[in-house]
Amino acid sequence: MSADTTTPILLVEDLVKEYPGRQRLIGRERGAVKAVRGVSFHVAPGETLAIVGESGSGKTTVAKTIMGFEAPTQGRIEFEGRDITRLRPAAWRPLRRELQFVFQDPYASLPSRMPIGDIIAEPLRIHGVGDRDARRARVRELLGLVGLRPEFASRYPHEFSGGQRQRVGIARALALEPRMLILDEPVSALDVSIQAQVINLLADLQAELGLSYLFIAHDLAVVRHIAHRVAVMYLGEVVEQGPTESVFDDPQHDYTRRLLASVPVPDPRLRRRGVRRETEVTT
C-alpha cells in the first residue's frame, strides 16, 4: 500500500479528555477520569491510520472527540488545516460533508423502520442535495459501489445479514462524498469470513475515491491488512506508533509486544511450543 505523506488531512495534538468524578456512596467525590491523555497523531491524505488497543484504552473516545460527539478537555484538532477543536453545533453541519463516521454495530446503527434506500438518502436530504429523483439515482449508485444490488433500496435492514448492513452503513457515510471516514471497529461484530470482504471493500473504496481512514480496532489481523500506519493506545496514551510493518515486526514498547503475543494460536500443539499466530487476514 502507498499513501500520500504531504500536509495531513487530520492533525491531533496533545488531546486530553476528562470525565468528571462521580459521587461515591460514602459521600466522597472521586477525582476526574482521564480517558485520553495527551494523544497526538496525524493522518495523511489517502492514508489509513489504525488506532489499536484493548477495551478501555481510550481509542473510541478519541474518535468521538474528533467527530464532535464529545468535547475535548485540552488539545487541538485540525481537519484540512482548520481548527475544529471547539466548533459550535452550527459550524459542524458543513463539515459533516467532509468527515463521516461508520459505527461498530451494523444492527443498532440502522433505523429498523426505514427502507435502506431512505437510510442512505437521509444525509442527502438533510443537506439539501438534489431533488427526489437525483437522490434515488445517487442511492442506486452507492448501493452498486458497496457491492449491493440497486433493487435492494426498497428492503428493510432486518432482511440483510450483518455484512450487508455494514455495507449499507458505509454507503450512507459515502453519500455526501466525504474526504475522510472514521471507522469505529467496523468489522468486529461480523463473522471472520465477512470481515475480510468488508475490509477488502474499504481498501477498494480508498483506492477508487482517494479516501483517508482513521480505523479504530482491537483485531490485529485486520489492522495489518488495511493500515499504512498504526498507533497503539494503552490507558489513554499512545505508547507506540509507526509504519504497520515496523510496529508488527519490531515492536518497541512492552505493551505492544504483549498485545501481539496475546493473539490466539488455533493449534494447541503450537501454543504449547509458544508459537505466536501470524496476524494476517485470509482474503
Protein backbone atom coordinates (compact mmCIF):
# COMPACT_ATOMS: atom_id res chain seq x y z
CA MET A 1 0.00 0.00 0.00
CA SER A 2 1.09 3.54 -0.65
CA ALA A 3 -0.15 6.79 0.79
CA ASP A 4 0.31 10.50 0.27
CA THR A 5 2.55 11.89 3.01
CA THR A 6 2.00 15.62 2.33
CA THR A 7 0.10 18.01 4.62
CA PRO A 8 -2.10 15.96 7.00
CA ILE A 9 -5.83 15.89 6.40
CA LEU A 10 -6.26 15.29 10.15
CA LEU A 11 -3.95 16.52 12.89
CA VAL A 12 -4.44 15.77 16.59
CA GLU A 13 -2.12 17.39 19.13
CA ASP A 14 -1.96 16.73 22.88
CA LEU A 15 -5.60 15.64 23.06
CA VAL A 16 -6.98 15.20 26.58
CA LYS A 17 -10.46 14.04 27.51
CA GLU A 18 -11.52 14.01 31.15
CA TYR A 19 -14.83 12.96 32.67
CA PRO A 20 -15.93 14.48 36.00
CA GLY A 21 -15.80 12.35 39.11
CA ARG A 22 -18.91 10.64 40.45
CA GLN A 23 -20.24 10.74 43.98
CA ARG A 24 -19.44 7.63 45.99
CA LEU A 25 -21.84 6.03 48.45
CA ILE A 26 -19.77 7.17 51.42
CA GLY A 27 -20.09 10.78 50.29
CA ARG A 28 -16.65 11.30 48.82
CA GLU A 29 -16.16 12.51 45.30
CA ARG A 30 -13.92 10.51 43.01
CA GLY A 31 -11.40 12.51 41.00
CA ALA A 32 -11.81 13.21 37.30
CA VAL A 33 -11.25 10.24 35.00
CA LYS A 34 -8.70 10.86 32.24
CA ALA A 35 -9.88 8.70 29.36
CA VAL A 36 -7.40 10.25 26.91
CA ARG A 37 -4.02 11.62 28.00
CA GLY A 38 -2.07 13.86 25.64
CA VAL A 39 -2.67 11.91 22.41
CA SER A 40 -1.01 13.18 19.22
CA PHE A 41 -1.05 11.78 15.68
CA HIS A 42 -1.80 12.74 12.09
CA VAL A 43 -3.45 11.16 9.05
CA ALA A 44 -2.18 11.96 5.55
CA PRO A 45 -4.47 12.25 2.52
CA GLY A 46 -5.26 8.78 1.17
CA GLU A 47 -3.80 7.08 4.24
CA THR A 48 -5.20 4.66 6.80
CA LEU A 49 -4.06 5.16 10.38
CA ALA A 50 -5.23 2.40 12.71
CA ILE A 51 -5.58 3.05 16.42
CA VAL A 52 -5.37 -0.23 18.31
CA GLY A 53 -5.64 -1.21 21.94
CA GLU A 54 -7.67 -3.23 24.38
CA SER A 55 -11.13 -2.22 25.58
CA GLY A 56 -10.91 0.86 27.79
CA SER A 57 -7.70 2.14 26.21
CA GLY A 58 -9.42 5.33 25.02
CA LYS A 59 -9.39 4.72 21.27
CA THR A 60 -13.14 5.15 20.74
CA THR A 61 -13.13 8.26 22.92
CA VAL A 62 -10.52 9.74 20.59
CA ALA A 63 -12.75 9.03 17.59
CA LYS A 64 -15.84 10.54 19.24
CA THR A 65 -13.92 13.64 20.25
CA ILE A 66 -12.67 14.21 16.70
CA MET A 67 -16.23 13.88 15.41
CA GLY A 68 -17.55 16.40 17.93
CA PHE A 69 -19.63 13.79 19.76
CA GLU A 70 -17.53 14.56 22.85
CA ALA A 71 -15.96 17.91 23.79
CA PRO A 72 -12.18 17.74 24.37
CA THR A 73 -10.80 18.88 27.69
CA GLN A 74 -7.50 20.04 26.21
CA GLY A 75 -5.56 19.83 22.98
CA ARG A 76 -6.06 20.73 19.34
CA ILE A 77 -7.77 19.01 16.41
CA GLU A 78 -7.32 20.21 12.83
CA PHE A 79 -9.13 18.93 9.75
CA GLU A 80 -7.84 20.08 6.36
CA GLY A 81 -5.88 22.82 8.15
CA ARG A 82 -8.90 24.16 10.03
CA ASP A 83 -9.11 24.14 13.82
CA ILE A 84 -12.22 22.11 14.71
CA THR A 85 -11.42 21.62 18.39
CA ARG A 86 -14.38 23.54 19.77
CA LEU A 87 -16.77 24.20 16.92
CA ARG A 88 -20.30 25.37 17.63
CA PRO A 89 -23.04 22.92 16.56
CA ALA A 90 -24.00 25.05 13.54
CA ALA A 91 -20.40 25.01 12.30
CA TRP A 92 -20.35 21.21 12.26
CA ARG A 93 -23.06 20.96 9.60
CA PRO A 94 -20.91 21.77 6.53
CA LEU A 95 -18.02 19.79 8.00
CA ARG A 96 -20.15 16.64 8.09
CA ARG A 97 -19.98 16.55 4.31
CA GLU A 98 -16.20 16.06 4.50
CA LEU A 99 -15.85 13.90 7.62
CA GLN A 100 -18.12 10.92 8.22
CA PHE A 101 -18.42 8.15 10.79
CA VAL A 102 -19.06 4.40 10.39
CA PHE A 103 -20.41 2.77 13.53
CA GLN A 104 -19.38 -0.53 15.08
CA ASP A 105 -22.75 -2.26 15.29
CA PRO A 106 -24.48 -2.71 11.91
CA TYR A 107 -27.62 -3.92 13.70
CA ALA A 108 -28.12 -0.93 16.02
CA SER A 109 -26.86 1.82 13.71
CA LEU A 110 -29.58 1.47 11.03
CA PRO A 111 -33.19 2.59 11.71
CA SER A 112 -35.24 -0.61 11.62
CA ARG A 113 -38.39 1.01 10.21
CA MET A 114 -36.79 2.74 7.25
CA PRO A 115 -36.02 1.07 3.90
CA ILE A 116 -32.31 1.16 3.20
CA GLY A 117 -32.82 3.48 0.24
CA ASP A 118 -34.19 6.12 2.61
CA ILE A 119 -31.42 5.42 5.13
CA ILE A 120 -28.72 6.03 2.52
CA ALA A 121 -30.53 9.08 1.12
CA GLU A 122 -31.04 10.70 4.52
CA PRO A 123 -27.73 12.65 4.54
CA LEU A 124 -28.56 13.96 1.07
CA ARG A 125 -32.00 15.09 2.22
CA ILE A 126 -30.67 16.72 5.39
CA HIS A 127 -28.06 18.68 3.44
CA GLY A 128 -30.46 19.58 0.65
CA VAL A 129 -28.54 17.74 -2.07
CA GLY A 130 -30.56 17.14 -5.24
CA ASP A 131 -34.26 16.51 -5.74
CA ARG A 132 -36.02 13.22 -5.07
CA ASP A 133 -35.09 11.70 -8.44
CA ALA A 134 -31.45 12.74 -8.08
CA ARG A 135 -31.29 11.24 -4.61
CA ARG A 136 -32.77 7.97 -5.83
CA ALA A 137 -30.18 7.81 -8.59
CA ARG A 138 -27.42 8.51 -6.05
CA VAL A 139 -28.72 5.74 -3.80
CA ARG A 140 -28.60 3.25 -6.67
CA GLU A 141 -25.05 4.36 -7.44
CA LEU A 142 -23.98 3.98 -3.82
CA LEU A 143 -25.51 0.53 -3.49
CA GLY A 144 -23.54 -0.61 -6.51
CA LEU A 145 -20.41 1.00 -5.11
CA VAL A 146 -20.58 -1.10 -1.93
CA GLY A 147 -21.48 -4.32 -3.74
CA LEU A 148 -25.26 -4.40 -3.22
CA ARG A 149 -27.98 -4.58 -5.84
CA PRO A 150 -29.81 -1.33 -6.65
CA GLU A 151 -33.19 -3.06 -6.24
CA PHE A 152 -32.35 -3.64 -2.55
CA ALA A 153 -33.24 0.02 -1.90
CA SER A 154 -36.84 -0.88 -1.02
CA ARG A 155 -35.91 -3.53 1.53
CA TYR A 156 -35.58 -3.12 5.29
CA PRO A 157 -32.49 -3.73 7.48
CA HIS A 158 -33.88 -6.91 9.04
CA GLU A 159 -33.80 -8.53 5.59
CA PHE A 160 -30.00 -8.30 5.43
CA SER A 161 -27.03 -10.04 7.01
CA GLY A 162 -24.62 -8.22 9.28
CA GLY A 163 -22.10 -7.79 6.48
CA GLN A 164 -24.75 -6.38 4.14
CA ARG A 165 -25.95 -3.99 6.83
CA GLN A 166 -22.42 -2.71 7.34
CA ARG A 167 -22.19 -2.12 3.58
CA VAL A 168 -25.36 -0.03 3.89
CA GLY A 169 -23.72 1.93 6.72
CA ILE A 170 -20.67 2.54 4.55
CA ALA A 171 -22.88 3.63 1.63
CA ARG A 172 -24.65 6.11 3.93
CA ALA A 173 -21.30 7.50 5.08
CA LEU A 174 -20.21 7.95 1.45
CA ALA A 175 -23.41 9.68 0.30
CA LEU A 176 -22.03 13.22 0.67
CA GLU A 177 -18.68 12.33 -0.93
CA PRO A 178 -16.55 12.88 2.19
CA ARG A 179 -12.79 13.06 2.12
CA MET A 180 -12.32 11.04 5.31
CA LEU A 181 -14.07 8.27 7.24
CA ILE A 182 -13.65 7.47 10.91
CA LEU A 183 -14.45 3.79 11.34
CA ASP A 184 -15.11 2.58 14.89
CA GLU A 185 -14.45 -1.18 14.98
CA PRO A 186 -16.39 -1.57 11.70
CA VAL A 187 -15.95 -5.34 11.39
CA SER A 188 -15.76 -6.52 15.00
CA ALA A 189 -19.44 -7.59 15.03
CA LEU A 190 -19.09 -9.64 11.83
CA ASP A 191 -18.09 -13.25 11.14
CA VAL A 192 -14.45 -13.72 10.18
CA SER A 193 -15.24 -14.60 6.56
CA ILE A 194 -17.41 -11.48 6.22
CA GLN A 195 -14.78 -9.31 7.90
CA ALA A 196 -12.36 -9.97 5.06
CA GLN A 197 -14.98 -8.99 2.47
CA VAL A 198 -15.73 -5.67 4.19
CA ILE A 199 -12.03 -4.91 4.69
CA ASN A 200 -11.36 -5.56 1.01
CA LEU A 201 -14.29 -3.30 0.13
CA LEU A 202 -12.84 -0.50 2.25
CA ALA A 203 -9.45 -0.91 0.60
CA ASP A 204 -11.04 -0.78 -2.86
CA LEU A 205 -13.07 2.31 -1.97
CA GLN A 206 -9.97 4.04 -0.67
CA ALA A 207 -8.09 3.35 -3.91
CA GLU A 208 -11.04 4.43 -6.06
CA LEU A 209 -12.16 7.51 -4.15
CA GLY A 210 -8.93 8.67 -2.53
CA LEU A 211 -10.38 8.39 0.97
CA SER A 212 -8.49 8.76 4.22
CA TYR A 213 -9.36 6.45 7.12
CA LEU A 214 -8.98 6.61 10.87
CA PHE A 215 -9.57 2.96 11.71
CA ILE A 216 -10.34 2.04 15.32
CA ALA A 217 -9.74 -1.64 16.08
CA HIS A 218 -8.56 -4.26 18.53
CA ASP A 219 -8.16 -7.03 15.92
CA LEU A 220 -4.52 -7.00 14.89
CA ALA A 221 -5.08 -9.23 11.86
CA VAL A 222 -7.50 -6.70 10.40
CA VAL A 223 -5.14 -3.82 11.15
CA ARG A 224 -2.17 -5.43 9.47
CA HIS A 225 -4.19 -5.94 6.31
CA ILE A 226 -5.58 -2.42 5.90
CA ALA A 227 -3.42 0.13 7.74
CA HIS A 228 -0.47 2.14 6.45
CA ARG A 229 0.46 3.18 9.99
CA VAL A 230 -0.51 2.06 13.48
CA ALA A 231 -0.86 3.92 16.78
CA VAL A 232 -1.02 1.70 19.88
CA MET A 233 -3.03 3.03 22.82
CA TYR A 234 -2.74 1.92 26.43
CA LEU A 235 -4.52 3.54 29.39
CA GLY A 236 -5.42 6.61 27.38
CA GLU A 237 -1.98 7.22 25.88
CA VAL A 238 -0.33 6.44 22.56
CA VAL A 239 2.63 4.31 23.62
CA GLU A 240 3.92 3.49 20.13
CA GLN A 241 3.21 4.48 16.53
CA GLY A 242 4.83 3.97 13.18
CA PRO A 243 4.54 2.14 9.84
CA THR A 244 2.49 -1.02 10.16
CA GLU A 245 5.24 -3.46 9.25
CA SER A 246 7.68 -1.82 11.67
CA VAL A 247 5.26 -1.95 14.58
CA PHE A 248 4.31 -5.58 13.90
CA ASP A 249 7.76 -6.92 13.06
CA ASP A 250 9.85 -4.91 15.54
CA PRO A 251 7.63 -3.57 18.35
CA GLN A 252 9.46 -1.18 20.66
CA HIS A 253 7.07 -0.90 23.61
CA ASP A 254 6.45 -3.73 26.05
CA TYR A 255 2.67 -3.29 25.80
CA THR A 256 2.81 -3.62 22.01
CA ARG A 257 4.80 -6.84 22.36
CA ARG A 258 2.29 -8.19 24.86
CA LEU A 259 -0.61 -7.18 22.60
CA LEU A 260 0.93 -9.04 19.67
CA ALA A 261 1.71 -12.06 21.84
CA SER A 262 -1.92 -12.23 23.00
CA VAL A 263 -3.20 -13.16 19.54
CA PRO A 264 -4.53 -16.72 19.98
CA VAL A 265 -2.95 -19.65 18.15
CA PRO A 266 -5.58 -22.16 16.89
CA ASP A 267 -3.31 -25.22 17.04
CA PRO A 268 -2.81 -26.37 20.68
CA ARG A 269 0.49 -28.04 19.78
CA LEU A 270 1.87 -24.72 18.59
CA ARG A 271 0.50 -22.96 21.69
CA ARG A 272 2.49 -25.35 23.91
CA ARG A 273 5.61 -24.51 21.92
CA GLY A 274 4.98 -20.77 22.38
CA VAL A 275 4.46 -20.05 18.70
CA ARG A 276 2.72 -16.75 18.03
CA ARG A 277 -0.05 -16.60 15.45
CA GLU A 278 0.68 -14.71 12.24
CA THR A 279 -1.55 -11.64 12.23
CA GLU A 280 -2.88 -11.81 8.72
CA VAL A 281 -6.35 -11.75 7.23
CA THR A 282 -7.39 -14.52 4.88
CA THR A 283 -8.81 -12.92 1.76
